[in-house]
Structure formats: structure tokens, C-alpha cells
């Protein structure tokens, strides 16, 4: 995912502000299952349908299911 070049504008007082398009590349999709979340273990964004939950430090966290390594290998094959 390539980032768009940030454009700058110089104000009358000499301050420079960067502007960018609003929104997030991880915006909510039409359905709950089609949106993405980041894995607690590897930090990569995956579809919610590819995530599971695992108890880490006494709290349920979203993680890749069945494992981060298995999903990376499957993505490399396709």
C-alpha cells in the first residue's frame, strides 16, 4: 500500500501544515466480517473472518487463526 505524497501549505504566519486525504486505509467495510483488525501477536491487519481470540495476560485478544505463520504462508502461495 503506497502512501500518497503529503501536500503542504504555507500560512501567512509562516507555519507549514501537511494536508492529506481524510479517512483510513482500514475503513469499515459494509459488513462486520469484511472489516480488518490487527493481530495482537504479529500486528498485521487481517480480515476479521481470519481472526480468532486467545487469552493473553487474562484478557481475550484478537489473533490470527490458526496461526500468524500459517496465514503468511497461505498468502505467499496465492
N, C-alpha and C. Protein backbone atom coordinates (compact mmCIF):
# COMPACT_ATOMS: atom_id res chain seq x y z
N UNK A 1 0.85 -1.15 0.00
CA UNK A 1 0.00 0.00 0.00
C UNK A 1 0.91 1.23 0.00
N UNK A 2 0.89 2.00 -1.08
CA UNK A 2 1.73 3.18 -1.21
C UNK A 2 1.04 4.38 -0.60
N UNK A 3 1.82 5.20 0.07
CA UNK A 3 1.28 6.42 0.66
C UNK A 3 1.26 7.51 -0.40
N UNK A 4 0.21 8.30 -0.39
CA UNK A 4 0.14 9.45 -1.28
C UNK A 4 1.07 10.53 -0.75
N UNK A 5 1.65 11.31 -1.66
CA UNK A 5 2.52 12.40 -1.24
C UNK A 5 1.72 13.42 -0.45
N UNK A 6 2.26 13.82 0.69
CA UNK A 6 1.59 14.82 1.51
C UNK A 6 1.85 16.19 0.89
N UNK A 7 0.83 16.99 0.75
CA UNK A 7 0.97 18.34 0.22
C UNK A 7 1.04 19.29 1.39
N UNK A 8 1.84 20.34 1.24
CA UNK A 8 1.95 21.30 2.31
C UNK A 8 1.44 22.65 1.86
N UNK A 9 1.01 23.43 2.80
CA UNK A 9 0.55 24.78 2.54
C UNK A 9 1.19 25.70 3.56
N UNK A 10 1.77 26.81 3.10
CA UNK A 10 2.39 27.77 4.00
C UNK A 10 1.36 28.85 4.31
N UNK A 11 1.11 29.03 5.59
CA UNK A 11 0.15 30.03 6.03
C UNK A 11 0.83 31.40 6.12
N UNK A 12 0.04 32.43 6.29
CA UNK A 12 0.56 33.80 6.35
C UNK A 12 1.55 33.99 7.49
N UNK A 13 1.37 33.29 8.60
CA UNK A 13 2.29 33.45 9.74
C UNK A 13 3.56 32.60 9.59
N UNK A 14 3.70 31.90 8.47
CA UNK A 14 4.92 31.14 8.20
C UNK A 14 4.88 29.69 8.64
N UNK A 15 3.81 29.27 9.34
CA UNK A 15 3.71 27.89 9.76
C UNK A 15 3.33 27.02 8.57
N UNK A 16 3.82 25.80 8.56
CA UNK A 16 3.53 24.88 7.47
C UNK A 16 2.74 23.70 8.02
N UNK A 17 1.65 23.38 7.37
CA UNK A 17 0.81 22.26 7.78
C UNK A 17 0.71 21.28 6.63
N UNK A 18 0.81 20.01 6.95
CA UNK A 18 0.64 18.97 5.94
C UNK A 18 -0.83 18.63 5.84
N UNK A 19 -1.28 18.40 4.65
CA UNK A 19 -2.67 18.01 4.44
C UNK A 19 -2.69 16.64 3.79
N UNK A 20 -3.70 15.91 4.05
CA UNK A 20 -3.84 14.58 3.45
C UNK A 20 -5.32 14.28 3.29
N UNK A 21 -5.59 13.27 2.52
CA UNK A 21 -6.98 12.86 2.32
C UNK A 21 -7.51 12.31 3.64
N UNK A 22 -8.75 12.63 3.95
CA UNK A 22 -9.34 12.15 5.18
C UNK A 22 -9.68 10.67 5.07
N UNK A 23 -9.85 10.04 6.19
CA UNK A 23 -10.22 8.63 6.21
C UNK A 23 -9.05 7.74 6.56
N UNK A 24 -9.32 6.48 6.61
CA UNK A 24 -8.34 5.48 6.98
C UNK A 24 -8.26 4.41 5.92
N UNK A 25 -7.06 3.87 5.64
CA UNK A 25 -6.99 2.76 4.69
C UNK A 25 -7.63 1.49 5.25
N UNK A 26 -7.91 1.47 6.54
CA UNK A 26 -8.53 0.33 7.18
C UNK A 26 -9.99 0.63 7.52
N UNK A 27 -10.63 1.45 6.72
CA UNK A 27 -12.01 1.87 6.98
C UNK A 27 -12.95 0.69 7.07
N UNK A 28 -14.04 0.89 7.76
CA UNK A 28 -15.02 -0.17 7.95
C UNK A 28 -15.66 -0.54 6.62
N UNK A 29 -15.79 -1.81 6.38
CA UNK A 29 -16.43 -2.30 5.17
C UNK A 29 -17.93 -2.39 5.41
N UNK A 30 -18.64 -2.82 4.41
CA UNK A 30 -20.10 -2.88 4.50
C UNK A 30 -20.57 -3.86 5.58
N UNK A 31 -19.85 -4.95 5.74
CA UNK A 31 -20.27 -5.93 6.74
C UNK A 31 -19.20 -6.10 7.81
N UNK A 32 -19.60 -6.56 8.96
CA UNK A 32 -18.69 -6.72 10.10
C UNK A 32 -17.56 -7.68 9.77
N UNK A 33 -17.84 -8.78 9.08
CA UNK A 33 -16.84 -9.79 8.79
C UNK A 33 -15.84 -9.37 7.73
N UNK A 34 -16.14 -8.34 6.95
CA UNK A 34 -15.25 -7.92 5.88
C UNK A 34 -14.27 -6.83 6.34
N UNK A 35 -14.43 -6.29 7.54
CA UNK A 35 -13.51 -5.28 8.02
C UNK A 35 -12.24 -5.94 8.55
N UNK A 36 -11.23 -5.13 8.83
CA UNK A 36 -9.96 -5.68 9.28
C UNK A 36 -9.68 -5.32 10.73
N UNK A 37 -8.80 -6.11 11.33
CA UNK A 37 -8.29 -5.85 12.69
C UNK A 37 -6.81 -6.19 12.67
N UNK A 38 -6.07 -5.65 13.62
CA UNK A 38 -4.67 -6.02 13.73
C UNK A 38 -4.52 -7.16 14.72
N UNK A 39 -3.63 -8.07 14.38
CA UNK A 39 -3.35 -9.23 15.24
C UNK A 39 -2.54 -8.77 16.44
N UNK A 40 -2.88 -9.26 17.61
CA UNK A 40 -2.16 -8.90 18.83
C UNK A 40 -0.73 -9.45 18.81
N UNK A 41 -0.52 -10.58 18.14
CA UNK A 41 0.80 -11.22 18.13
C UNK A 41 1.73 -10.64 17.08
N UNK A 42 1.27 -10.53 15.81
CA UNK A 42 2.16 -10.09 14.74
C UNK A 42 1.91 -8.65 14.30
N UNK A 43 0.75 -8.08 14.63
CA UNK A 43 0.46 -6.70 14.30
C UNK A 43 -0.05 -6.46 12.89
N UNK A 44 -0.16 -7.50 12.07
CA UNK A 44 -0.64 -7.33 10.70
C UNK A 44 -2.16 -7.22 10.69
N UNK A 45 -2.67 -6.44 9.74
CA UNK A 45 -4.12 -6.31 9.58
C UNK A 45 -4.62 -7.48 8.76
N UNK A 46 -5.64 -8.13 9.27
CA UNK A 46 -6.26 -9.28 8.60
C UNK A 46 -7.77 -9.09 8.62
N UNK A 47 -8.45 -9.79 7.73
CA UNK A 47 -9.90 -9.79 7.76
C UNK A 47 -10.36 -10.40 9.08
N UNK A 48 -11.46 -9.89 9.60
CA UNK A 48 -11.98 -10.42 10.87
C UNK A 48 -12.33 -11.89 10.75
N UNK A 49 -12.69 -12.32 9.55
CA UNK A 49 -13.04 -13.72 9.36
C UNK A 49 -11.82 -14.63 9.50
N UNK A 50 -10.60 -14.08 9.39
CA UNK A 50 -9.37 -14.86 9.55
C UNK A 50 -8.80 -14.78 10.96
N UNK A 51 -9.52 -14.10 11.85
CA UNK A 51 -9.03 -13.89 13.21
C UNK A 51 -9.76 -14.81 14.19
N UNK A 52 -9.11 -15.08 15.27
CA UNK A 52 -9.69 -15.80 16.39
C UNK A 52 -9.34 -15.02 17.64
N UNK A 53 -9.67 -15.55 18.79
CA UNK A 53 -9.28 -14.86 20.02
C UNK A 53 -8.51 -15.83 20.90
N UNK A 54 -7.56 -15.27 21.60
CA UNK A 54 -6.74 -16.05 22.52
C UNK A 54 -6.58 -15.23 23.79
N UNK A 55 -6.60 -15.89 24.91
CA UNK A 55 -6.46 -15.20 26.19
C UNK A 55 -4.97 -14.92 26.42
N UNK A 56 -4.64 -13.63 26.52
CA UNK A 56 -3.27 -13.20 26.77
C UNK A 56 -3.30 -12.27 27.97
N UNK A 57 -2.56 -12.61 28.99
CA UNK A 57 -2.49 -11.82 30.23
C UNK A 57 -3.88 -11.61 30.83
N UNK A 58 -4.71 -12.64 30.76
CA UNK A 58 -6.02 -12.58 31.38
C UNK A 58 -7.09 -11.86 30.59
N UNK A 59 -6.78 -11.48 29.35
CA UNK A 59 -7.76 -10.75 28.53
C UNK A 59 -7.79 -11.35 27.13
N UNK A 60 -8.96 -11.50 26.55
CA UNK A 60 -9.08 -12.04 25.20
C UNK A 60 -8.59 -11.01 24.18
N UNK A 61 -7.67 -11.45 23.32
CA UNK A 61 -7.10 -10.58 22.30
C UNK A 61 -7.31 -11.20 20.93
N UNK A 62 -7.51 -10.37 19.87
CA UNK A 62 -7.65 -10.92 18.52
C UNK A 62 -6.29 -11.36 17.98
N UNK A 63 -6.24 -12.59 17.48
CA UNK A 63 -5.01 -13.13 16.90
C UNK A 63 -5.34 -13.87 15.61
N UNK A 64 -4.32 -14.06 14.77
CA UNK A 64 -4.50 -14.80 13.53
C UNK A 64 -4.89 -16.24 13.85
N UNK A 65 -5.78 -16.79 13.03
CA UNK A 65 -6.22 -18.16 13.26
C UNK A 65 -6.02 -18.97 12.00
N UNK A 66 -5.37 -20.08 11.97
CA UNK A 66 -4.88 -20.87 13.10
C UNK A 66 -3.59 -20.33 13.69
N UNK A 67 -2.72 -19.67 12.88
CA UNK A 67 -1.52 -19.04 13.41
C UNK A 67 -1.05 -17.97 12.43
N UNK A 68 -0.21 -17.07 12.90
CA UNK A 68 0.31 -16.00 12.06
C UNK A 68 1.15 -16.59 10.92
N UNK A 69 1.97 -17.57 11.25
CA UNK A 69 2.84 -18.20 10.26
C UNK A 69 2.04 -18.90 9.17
N UNK A 70 0.99 -19.60 9.55
CA UNK A 70 0.15 -20.32 8.57
C UNK A 70 -0.52 -19.34 7.61
N UNK A 71 -1.01 -18.22 8.11
CA UNK A 71 -1.65 -17.23 7.24
C UNK A 71 -0.64 -16.56 6.32
N UNK A 72 0.59 -16.30 6.81
CA UNK A 72 1.63 -15.73 5.96
C UNK A 72 2.00 -16.68 4.83
N UNK A 73 2.11 -17.98 5.14
CA UNK A 73 2.44 -18.97 4.10
C UNK A 73 1.33 -19.09 3.08
N UNK A 74 0.08 -19.04 3.53
CA UNK A 74 -1.06 -19.13 2.61
C UNK A 74 -1.10 -17.89 1.71
N UNK A 75 -0.77 -16.74 2.23
CA UNK A 75 -0.76 -15.51 1.45
C UNK A 75 0.38 -15.53 0.42
N UNK A 76 1.50 -16.15 0.78
CA UNK A 76 2.64 -16.23 -0.13
C UNK A 76 2.36 -17.17 -1.31
N UNK A 77 1.57 -18.18 -1.08
CA UNK A 77 1.23 -19.14 -2.15
C UNK A 77 0.29 -18.54 -3.17
N UNK A 78 -0.59 -17.64 -2.74
CA UNK A 78 -1.59 -17.09 -3.68
C UNK A 78 -1.11 -15.84 -4.35
